[in-house]
């Protein structure tokens, strides 16, 4: 073979190797001429997995709120949720100067529903309480937050509301128009809206920004607690809460009386703290023959990787880990969804504040996998870097107690305009997946080793 032919073959081999995997864990191997590589062997290792209970406590960093109670027909587990929300005051907030009698004609809340799980015709009752303590926008809040720490439990609610997620007071013809957005409307006492209007007239600086608004002492200025009192069978995903003040005033420009509205909204500039409570998780955790992924909060899967069986003298060219989902056995129109995206992260990194520190998957010690409906699996295609690092830690005597443990966690990624993941949060959607593993069927880690001649 001529030198030119040999060089051409080496370049083709290099391109094939690089195209197969964009993970740079094996970059040194990929750049070697193919005749200098030897595939030592292909090994399959058993991976120990178990369900990992997080109960009701995960970081509640989300721009949505959740309201309702739903029992999963597949597992017979129940999730209940209600929430607290603060309201943002825009810098340009204003109320028209010629309001008649400085009084409010209507004061209401709108809870706009982005999606839901369950039966939209199930009836629910909520009570609305004013918070007497401000939620700190710089603090981390968790889904086991106790709302009783933030409002007077002896006070009366400022409103109560019976509702269904599908508002049957709206005509079908109106409901299906493009301008209609499904929402829950809650009427509040006009007297509270009148207090806000009069304070704006007397002290406009109270509305200059959110911090000033929260210190103003106005009704609803510290936020509201939407307490679930009654109902089961549905969970609403609420993407916007809006506080509206309506009033009549004289519009000098058109020289006639008209209706004005001023609004405050619960946005990502203020705290929205959802309170979740899970019931009947014990029977899932007690089933050692399988593992579960269940959100919101609920259950993760803990895997112990066999990195102590890995030969660190050789190069791991590929390490693939696959989790297979069991199909549901209960037929129901209200089945939960399957988690779409899951994160693999080292247990110690999770406990040390992976989400609190705004970390994202790095392809070294944390990875993402997406559910494949064709194969019914989550596949982490190459975790070679992670396995190699674990094995070296063990060999060097730097391994922690949890050195070879990883969590599989349902997550919701946020991407920028270029498709890059810029944020990872816990997935708070109503999801559940039963996975092969536990004591019945071991999860398999497939490893391909290479070394040099």
Protein backbone atom coordinates (compact mmCIF):
# COMPACT_ATOMS: atom_id res chain seq x y z
CA UNK A 1 0.00 0.00 0.00
CA UNK A 2 1.42 3.42 -0.96
CA UNK A 3 1.93 6.15 1.62
CA UNK A 4 -0.80 8.20 -0.09
CA UNK A 5 -3.28 5.31 0.09
CA UNK A 6 -2.37 4.68 3.74
CA UNK A 7 -2.88 8.37 4.61
CA UNK A 8 -6.24 8.46 2.79
CA UNK A 9 -7.46 5.39 4.69
CA UNK A 10 -6.37 6.94 8.01
CA UNK A 11 -8.28 10.18 7.27
CA UNK A 12 -11.45 8.26 6.35
CA UNK A 13 -11.18 6.25 9.58
CA UNK A 14 -10.73 9.41 11.61
CA UNK A 15 -13.82 11.02 10.05
CA UNK A 16 -15.92 7.93 10.76
CA UNK A 17 -14.80 7.80 14.40
CA UNK A 18 -15.48 11.48 15.00
CA UNK A 19 -18.88 11.32 13.29
CA UNK A 20 -19.98 8.43 15.48
CA UNK A 21 -19.81 10.43 18.71
CA UNK A 22 -19.38 14.10 19.49
CA UNK A 23 -18.28 13.26 23.04
CA UNK A 24 -14.62 14.20 23.46
CA UNK A 25 -14.02 11.64 26.18
CA UNK A 26 -12.17 9.46 23.68
CA UNK A 27 -10.61 12.23 21.61
CA UNK A 28 -7.09 10.88 22.05
CA UNK A 29 -8.24 7.48 20.82
CA UNK A 30 -10.16 8.90 17.89
CA UNK A 31 -7.12 10.77 16.58
CA UNK A 32 -4.93 7.65 16.42
CA UNK A 33 -4.51 5.86 13.08
CA UNK A 34 -6.89 2.91 12.92
CA UNK A 35 -4.13 0.30 12.70
CA UNK A 36 -2.85 1.48 16.12
CA UNK A 37 -6.19 0.72 17.81
CA UNK A 38 -7.25 -2.65 19.17
CA UNK A 39 -10.73 -3.34 20.46
CA UNK A 40 -9.93 -5.23 23.62
CA UNK A 41 -13.42 -6.46 24.39
CA UNK A 42 -17.09 -5.74 24.78
CA UNK A 43 -18.39 -6.15 28.32
CA UNK A 44 -21.85 -5.99 29.82
CA UNK A 45 -22.20 -5.19 33.52
CA UNK A 46 -25.16 -5.36 35.88
CA UNK A 47 -26.31 -2.04 37.35
CA UNK A 48 -28.14 -1.97 40.67
CA UNK A 49 -31.14 0.37 40.71
CA UNK A 50 -33.75 1.33 43.28
CA UNK A 51 -36.49 3.92 43.73
CA UNK A 52 -35.28 7.04 45.52
CA UNK A 53 -37.87 8.92 47.56
CA UNK A 54 -37.80 12.69 47.49
CA UNK A 55 -41.34 12.89 48.86
CA UNK A 56 -42.64 16.42 48.54
CA UNK A 57 -39.38 18.37 48.64
CA UNK A 58 -37.65 19.54 45.48
CA UNK A 59 -36.57 23.03 44.48
CA UNK A 60 -39.70 24.91 43.36
CA UNK A 61 -38.07 27.06 40.71
CA UNK A 62 -40.79 27.33 38.08
CA UNK A 63 -42.80 30.03 36.34
CA UNK A 64 -45.98 27.94 36.51
CA UNK A 65 -48.28 27.24 39.42
CA UNK A 66 -50.31 24.09 39.99
CA UNK A 67 -53.77 23.74 41.45
CA UNK A 68 -55.83 20.62 42.02
CA UNK A 69 -55.82 17.06 43.24
CA UNK A 70 -55.39 14.02 41.03
CA UNK A 71 -55.26 10.27 41.65
CA UNK A 72 -53.28 8.27 39.12
CA UNK A 73 -55.42 5.33 37.89
CA UNK A 74 -52.27 3.26 37.17
CA UNK A 75 -50.56 3.49 40.57
CA UNK A 76 -53.41 4.79 42.77
CA UNK A 77 -51.08 7.49 44.09
CA UNK A 78 -52.42 11.00 44.65
CA UNK A 79 -50.91 14.46 44.22
CA UNK A 80 -52.46 17.56 45.78
CA UNK A 81 -51.27 21.06 44.96
CA UNK A 82 -52.07 24.65 45.82
CA UNK A 83 -49.83 27.72 45.69
CA UNK A 84 -48.80 31.19 46.80
CA UNK A 85 -48.14 34.01 44.35
CA UNK A 86 -46.81 37.54 44.55
CA UNK A 87 -47.57 40.33 42.10
CA UNK A 88 -45.25 42.53 40.08
CA UNK A 89 -45.79 46.29 39.83
CA UNK A 90 -44.62 47.70 36.49
CA UNK A 91 -42.65 50.92 36.58
CA UNK A 92 -45.28 52.48 34.33
CA UNK A 93 -48.21 51.48 36.52
CA UNK A 94 -50.93 54.10 36.46
CA UNK A 95 -54.59 54.72 37.24
CA UNK A 96 -56.45 57.41 35.30
CA UNK A 97 -56.78 60.66 37.26
CA UNK A 98 -60.52 61.24 36.82
CA UNK A 99 -61.85 58.07 38.45
CA UNK A 100 -65.41 58.60 39.67
CA UNK A 101 -65.48 58.75 43.47
CA UNK A 102 -61.98 57.18 43.44
CA UNK A 103 -63.75 53.84 43.62
CA UNK A 104 -63.37 50.39 42.08
CA UNK A 105 -66.25 48.95 40.05
CA UNK A 106 -64.83 45.44 39.82
CA UNK A 107 -61.86 43.71 41.43
CA UNK A 108 -60.94 40.22 40.32
CA UNK A 109 -58.30 37.56 39.82
CA UNK A 110 -57.69 35.56 36.68
CA UNK A 111 -55.88 32.22 36.80
CA UNK A 112 -54.97 31.40 33.19
CA UNK A 113 -54.70 27.66 32.53
CA UNK A 114 -51.99 26.51 30.14
CA UNK A 115 -52.76 22.78 30.37
CA UNK A 116 -54.28 20.23 32.71
CA UNK A 117 -54.42 16.55 33.59
CA UNK A 118 -57.63 14.68 34.43
CA UNK A 119 -61.32 15.42 34.09
CA UNK A 120 -61.94 19.08 33.27
CA UNK A 121 -65.52 18.84 34.61
CA UNK A 122 -64.58 17.86 38.16
CA UNK A 123 -65.61 20.48 40.73
CA UNK A 124 -63.10 22.17 43.02
CA UNK A 125 -63.28 24.76 45.75
CA UNK A 126 -60.50 27.19 46.68
CA UNK A 127 -60.15 29.91 49.27
CA UNK A 128 -57.96 32.99 48.73
CA UNK A 129 -55.99 34.41 51.66
CA UNK A 130 -53.78 37.48 51.87
CA UNK A 131 -50.18 36.75 52.86
CA UNK A 132 -48.92 38.62 55.91
CA UNK A 133 -45.25 37.87 55.18
CA UNK A 134 -43.33 38.69 52.00
CA UNK A 135 -41.62 35.86 50.14
CA UNK A 136 -37.95 36.65 49.50
CA UNK A 137 -37.24 36.70 45.72
CA UNK A 138 -33.60 35.76 46.38
CA UNK A 139 -34.41 32.71 48.51
CA UNK A 140 -34.81 29.11 47.40
CA UNK A 141 -38.24 27.63 48.12
CA UNK A 142 -39.13 23.96 48.00
CA UNK A 143 -42.33 22.15 47.15
CA UNK A 144 -42.90 21.11 50.77
CA UNK A 145 -43.23 24.78 51.77
CA UNK A 146 -45.78 25.30 54.55
CA UNK A 147 -48.22 28.08 53.55
CA UNK A 148 -49.37 28.48 57.17
CA UNK A 149 -46.03 30.21 57.82
CA UNK A 150 -47.08 33.03 55.49
CA UNK A 151 -50.70 33.83 56.35
CA UNK A 152 -52.89 34.15 59.41
CA UNK A 153 -54.75 30.85 59.72
CA UNK A 154 -57.34 32.55 61.95
CA UNK A 155 -58.23 35.13 59.29
CA UNK A 156 -61.13 34.86 56.89
CA UNK A 157 -60.43 34.35 53.18
CA UNK A 158 -60.97 37.39 50.99
CA UNK A 159 -62.72 35.15 48.45
CA UNK A 160 -63.88 31.59 47.83
CA UNK A 161 -64.60 29.98 44.48
CA UNK A 162 -66.16 26.79 43.16
CA UNK A 163 -64.85 26.03 39.68
CA UNK A 164 -64.21 23.45 36.99
CA UNK A 165 -61.14 23.60 34.76
CA UNK A 166 -63.40 23.78 31.73
CA UNK A 167 -65.56 26.83 32.45
CA UNK A 168 -69.08 25.73 31.54
CA UNK A 169 -70.42 29.26 31.98
CA UNK A 170 -68.74 30.11 28.66
CA UNK A 171 -70.67 29.28 25.51
CA UNK A 172 -69.02 26.63 23.33
CA UNK A 173 -68.91 29.02 20.39
CA UNK A 174 -66.94 31.51 22.48
CA UNK A 175 -64.70 28.88 24.07
CA UNK A 176 -63.29 27.74 20.75
CA UNK A 177 -62.45 31.18 19.39
CA UNK A 178 -58.77 32.09 19.02
CA UNK A 179 -59.16 35.01 21.43
CA UNK A 180 -60.38 32.88 24.35
CA UNK A 181 -57.88 31.65 26.93
CA UNK A 182 -59.11 29.19 29.52
CA UNK A 183 -59.07 30.78 32.97
CA UNK A 184 -60.56 30.71 36.44
CA UNK A 185 -62.11 34.03 37.43
CA UNK A 186 -62.33 34.89 41.14
CA UNK A 187 -64.24 37.97 42.28
CA UNK A 188 -62.69 39.99 45.12
CA UNK A 189 -64.36 42.68 47.29
CA UNK A 190 -64.55 46.00 45.45
CA UNK A 191 -63.62 47.73 48.69
CA UNK A 192 -60.09 46.27 48.44
CA UNK A 193 -59.68 47.61 44.91
CA UNK A 194 -60.92 51.01 46.08
CA UNK A 195 -58.20 51.08 48.77
CA UNK A 196 -55.57 50.50 46.08
CA UNK A 197 -56.97 53.27 43.83
CA UNK A 198 -57.03 55.78 46.67
CA UNK A 199 -53.53 54.88 47.79
CA UNK A 200 -52.26 55.41 44.26
CA UNK A 201 -53.81 58.89 44.25
CA UNK A 202 -52.24 59.72 47.62
CA UNK A 203 -48.94 57.84 47.33
CA UNK A 204 -47.96 57.02 43.73
CA UNK A 205 -44.46 56.17 44.92
CA UNK A 206 -45.94 53.00 46.47
CA UNK A 207 -46.36 51.70 42.90
CA UNK A 208 -42.99 52.72 41.47
CA UNK A 209 -41.66 49.14 41.46
CA UNK A 210 -42.32 45.73 42.97
CA UNK A 211 -40.30 46.35 46.15
CA UNK A 212 -42.23 49.56 46.88
CA UNK A 213 -45.55 47.84 46.13
CA UNK A 214 -44.81 44.97 48.52
CA UNK A 215 -43.99 47.43 51.30
CA UNK A 216 -47.03 49.63 50.67
CA UNK A 217 -49.42 47.75 52.94
CA UNK A 218 -52.06 47.65 50.21
CA UNK A 219 -54.46 44.72 49.89
CA UNK A 220 -52.77 41.77 48.14
CA UNK A 221 -49.41 43.59 48.04
CA UNK A 222 -47.53 40.84 49.91
CA UNK A 223 -49.16 38.14 47.79
CA UNK A 224 -51.98 35.63 47.99
CA UNK A 225 -52.41 32.00 48.96
CA UNK A 226 -54.76 29.94 46.79
CA UNK A 227 -55.78 27.16 49.16
CA UNK A 228 -57.40 24.03 47.77
CA UNK A 229 -60.37 23.15 49.96
CA UNK A 230 -62.22 20.45 48.05
CA UNK A 231 -62.04 18.34 44.90
CA UNK A 232 -60.25 15.45 43.19
CA UNK A 233 -59.78 14.33 39.62
CA UNK A 234 -57.80 17.05 37.85
CA UNK A 235 -54.69 19.22 38.07
CA UNK A 236 -54.49 22.64 36.38
CA UNK A 237 -51.19 24.06 35.10
CA UNK A 238 -51.44 27.82 35.58
CA UNK A 239 -49.04 29.95 33.56
CA UNK A 240 -50.32 33.39 34.58
CA UNK A 241 -52.09 34.89 37.60
CA UNK A 242 -53.42 38.40 37.12
CA UNK A 243 -54.94 40.86 39.59
CA UNK A 244 -57.27 43.36 37.87
CA UNK A 245 -58.81 46.60 39.13
CA UNK A 246 -61.66 48.06 37.04
CA UNK A 247 -62.97 51.60 37.43
CA UNK A 248 -65.00 54.22 35.55
CA UNK A 249 -63.46 57.53 34.58
CA UNK A 250 -64.00 60.40 32.17
CA UNK A 251 -61.78 60.20 29.09
CA UNK A 252 -61.09 63.81 28.10
CA UNK A 253 -59.64 62.78 24.73
CA UNK A 254 -62.92 61.28 23.50
CA UNK A 255 -65.02 63.34 25.94
CA UNK A 256 -67.02 60.51 27.37
CA UNK A 257 -67.14 58.15 30.34
CA UNK A 258 -65.36 54.84 29.91
CA UNK A 259 -63.91 51.85 31.79
CA UNK A 260 -60.27 51.63 32.80
CA UNK A 261 -58.27 48.69 34.11
CA UNK A 262 -55.04 48.45 36.06
CA UNK A 263 -53.31 45.09 36.51
CA UNK A 264 -50.67 43.34 38.55
CA UNK A 265 -49.31 40.01 37.35
CA UNK A 266 -47.46 37.12 38.94
CA UNK A 267 -44.32 36.93 36.78
CA UNK A 268 -40.84 35.42 37.04
CA UNK A 269 -39.78 38.70 38.69
CA UNK A 270 -41.62 37.65 41.85
CA UNK A 271 -42.07 34.41 43.77
CA UNK A 272 -44.60 31.76 42.83
CA UNK A 273 -44.34 28.99 45.40
CA UNK A 274 -46.24 25.79 44.67
CA UNK A 275 -47.03 23.46 47.56
CA UNK A 276 -47.21 19.75 46.61
CA UNK A 277 -48.33 16.82 48.72
CA UNK A 278 -47.96 13.21 47.55
CA UNK A 279 -49.98 10.33 48.98
CA UNK A 280 -49.59 6.52 48.79
CA UNK A 281 -46.00 6.53 47.51
CA UNK A 282 -44.93 3.85 50.01
CA UNK A 283 -46.31 0.96 48.00
CA UNK A 284 -44.26 2.07 44.99
CA UNK A 285 -41.14 2.43 47.09
CA UNK A 286 -41.72 -0.98 48.69
CA UNK A 287 -41.79 -2.69 45.29
CA UNK A 288 -38.11 -3.62 44.92
CA UNK A 289 -38.61 -5.50 41.65
CA UNK A 290 -38.85 -2.27 39.63
CA UNK A 291 -38.03 1.41 39.98
CA UNK A 292 -40.09 4.53 39.32
CA UNK A 293 -39.85 8.04 37.99
CA UNK A 294 -42.71 10.12 39.34
CA UNK A 295 -43.23 13.85 39.19
CA UNK A 296 -43.94 16.39 40.53
CA UNK A 297 -41.42 15.68 43.32
CA UNK A 298 -42.26 12.10 44.31
CA UNK A 299 -39.71 9.49 43.17
CA UNK A 300 -36.41 9.39 41.25
CA UNK A 301 -34.39 6.31 40.29
CA UNK A 302 -31.03 5.73 41.99
CA UNK A 303 -28.43 3.69 40.07
CA UNK A 304 -25.18 2.27 41.42
CA UNK A 305 -22.72 2.01 38.53
CA UNK A 306 -20.18 -0.88 38.56
CA UNK A 307 -17.21 1.44 38.10
CA UNK A 308 -15.10 -0.67 40.50
CA UNK A 309 -15.15 -3.41 37.84
CA UNK A 310 -13.75 -1.11 35.17
CA UNK A 311 -10.11 -1.48 34.08
CA UNK A 312 -8.69 2.05 34.17
CA UNK A 313 -5.51 0.91 32.40
CA UNK A 314 -7.53 0.70 29.18
CA UNK A 315 -9.53 3.38 27.43
CA UNK A 316 -13.30 3.18 27.54
CA UNK A 317 -14.34 3.89 23.99
CA UNK A 318 -18.07 3.68 24.68
CA UNK A 319 -20.33 3.16 27.68
CA UNK A 320 -24.07 2.91 27.10
CA UNK A 321 -26.76 2.73 29.77
CA UNK A 322 -30.39 2.04 28.87
CA UNK A 323 -33.50 2.21 31.06
CA UNK A 324 -36.56 0.39 29.71
CA UNK A 325 -40.10 1.39 30.66
CA UNK A 326 -42.91 -1.03 31.42
CA UNK A 327 -46.15 -0.35 29.58
CA UNK A 328 -49.18 0.70 31.62
CA UNK A 329 -51.67 -2.04 32.42
CA UNK A 330 -54.68 0.10 33.36
CA UNK A 331 -56.79 1.55 30.56
CA UNK A 332 -58.01 5.03 31.41
CA UNK A 333 -58.63 8.28 29.51
CA UNK A 334 -56.87 10.08 32.37
CA UNK A 335 -53.53 8.26 32.45
CA UNK A 336 -50.46 10.25 33.40
CA UNK A 337 -47.92 11.23 30.79
CA UNK A 338 -44.42 9.75 30.55
CA UNK A 339 -41.48 11.98 31.58
CA UNK A 340 -40.01 13.26 28.33
CA UNK A 341 -36.50 14.29 29.44
CA UNK A 342 -34.45 12.85 32.28
CA UNK A 343 -31.17 13.93 33.82
CA UNK A 344 -28.44 11.59 35.04
CA UNK A 345 -26.42 13.34 37.73
CA UNK A 346 -24.10 12.11 40.46
CA UNK A 347 -25.88 11.80 43.78
CA UNK A 348 -23.33 13.99 45.57
CA UNK A 349 -23.70 16.72 42.95
CA UNK A 350 -27.48 16.67 43.39
CA UNK A 351 -27.19 16.86 47.17
CA UNK A 352 -24.62 19.66 46.88
CA UNK A 353 -27.06 21.89 45.00
CA UNK A 354 -27.05 21.00 41.30
CA UNK A 355 -30.36 22.79 40.71
CA UNK A 356 -29.81 25.49 43.32
CA UNK A 357 -26.55 26.46 41.55
CA UNK A 358 -28.23 26.67 38.13
CA UNK A 359 -26.11 23.87 36.69
CA UNK A 360 -26.87 22.11 33.41
CA UNK A 361 -25.72 18.83 31.90
CA UNK A 362 -22.00 18.96 31.08
CA UNK A 363 -21.39 15.62 29.34
CA UNK A 364 -18.86 14.73 32.02
CA UNK A 365 -20.74 14.05 35.24
CA UNK A 366 -24.29 14.82 34.12
CA UNK A 367 -26.18 13.77 31.00
CA UNK A 368 -29.63 14.09 29.42
CA UNK A 369 -31.74 11.41 27.76
CA UNK A 370 -35.07 11.76 25.96
CA UNK A 371 -37.80 9.14 26.00
CA UNK A 372 -37.84 7.07 22.83
CA UNK A 373 -41.40 5.90 22.21
CA UNK A 374 -40.27 3.45 19.49
CA UNK A 375 -38.05 1.47 21.88
CA UNK A 376 -39.82 2.48 25.11
CA UNK A 377 -36.47 3.49 26.59
CA UNK A 378 -34.28 6.25 27.95
CA UNK A 379 -30.77 5.74 26.57
CA UNK A 380 -27.60 7.44 27.76
CA UNK A 381 -25.52 6.68 24.71
CA UNK A 382 -22.03 7.38 26.03
CA UNK A 383 -21.19 8.01 29.68
CA UNK A 384 -17.54 6.96 29.24
CA UNK A 385 -16.19 10.09 30.93
CA UNK A 386 -18.29 9.52 34.01
CA UNK A 387 -17.35 5.84 34.34
CA UNK A 388 -13.66 6.61 33.84
CA UNK A 389 -13.70 9.36 36.44
CA UNK A 390 -15.46 7.14 38.98
CA UNK A 391 -12.98 4.30 38.42
CA UNK A 392 -10.00 6.62 38.81
CA UNK A 393 -11.42 8.14 42.01
CA UNK A 394 -11.73 4.66 43.46
CA UNK A 395 -8.21 3.70 42.40
CA UNK A 396 -6.70 6.95 43.70
CA UNK A 397 -8.47 6.74 47.06
CA UNK A 398 -10.42 9.97 46.52
CA UNK A 399 -13.86 8.36 46.23
CA UNK A 400 -16.68 9.61 48.47
CA UNK A 401 -19.29 7.40 50.11
CA UNK A 402 -21.60 7.92 47.11
CA UNK A 403 -18.79 7.80 44.54
CA UNK A 404 -20.56 5.46 42.08
CA UNK A 405 -24.19 6.52 42.58
CA UNK A 406 -26.26 8.57 40.14
CA UNK A 407 -29.85 9.80 40.13
CA UNK A 408 -32.23 9.71 37.18
CA UNK A 409 -34.48 12.78 37.50
CA UNK A 410 -37.35 14.07 35.31
CA UNK A 411 -36.39 17.57 34.17
CA UNK A 412 -37.63 20.41 31.98
CA UNK A 413 -34.84 21.98 29.88
CA UNK A 414 -34.90 25.55 28.60
CA UNK A 415 -33.08 26.28 25.34
CA UNK A 416 -31.81 29.46 23.74
CA UNK A 417 -32.47 30.49 20.14
CA UNK A 418 -29.60 28.29 18.96
CA UNK A 419 -30.97 25.19 20.67
CA UNK A 420 -28.43 25.22 23.51
CA UNK A 421 -29.67 24.21 26.94
CA UNK A 422 -29.34 27.20 29.24
CA UNK A 423 -31.44 26.08 32.20
CA UNK A 424 -32.63 22.88 33.83
CA UNK A 425 -35.50 22.71 36.29
CA UNK A 426 -37.36 19.84 37.88
CA UNK A 427 -40.27 18.67 35.76
CA UNK A 428 -43.45 19.54 37.67
CA UNK A 429 -45.81 17.97 35.14
CA UNK A 430 -47.94 15.03 36.21
CA UNK A 431 -45.75 12.19 34.91
CA UNK A 432 -44.97 8.60 35.87
CA UNK A 433 -42.84 5.78 34.44
CA UNK A 434 -42.21 2.30 35.82
CA UNK A 435 -38.74 1.09 34.82
CA UNK A 436 -37.15 -2.31 34.52
CA UNK A 437 -34.51 -2.78 37.17
CA UNK A 438 -34.54 -3.34 40.89
CA UNK A 439 -34.24 -7.00 41.82
CA UNK A 440 -36.21 -8.45 38.89
CA UNK A 441 -34.29 -7.29 35.81
CA UNK A 442 -30.89 -5.71 36.18
CA UNK A 443 -30.20 -2.65 34.09
CA UNK A 444 -27.24 -3.28 31.78
CA UNK A 445 -24.17 -1.13 31.24
CA UNK A 446 -22.53 -1.90 27.89
CA UNK A 447 -18.83 -0.99 27.68
CA UNK A 448 -16.39 -1.19 24.78
CA UNK A 449 -12.70 -0.99 25.72
CA UNK A 450 -9.83 -0.06 23.43
CA UNK A 451 -6.08 -0.02 23.94
CA UNK A 452 -2.99 0.62 21.82
CA UNK A 453 -0.64 -1.80 20.12
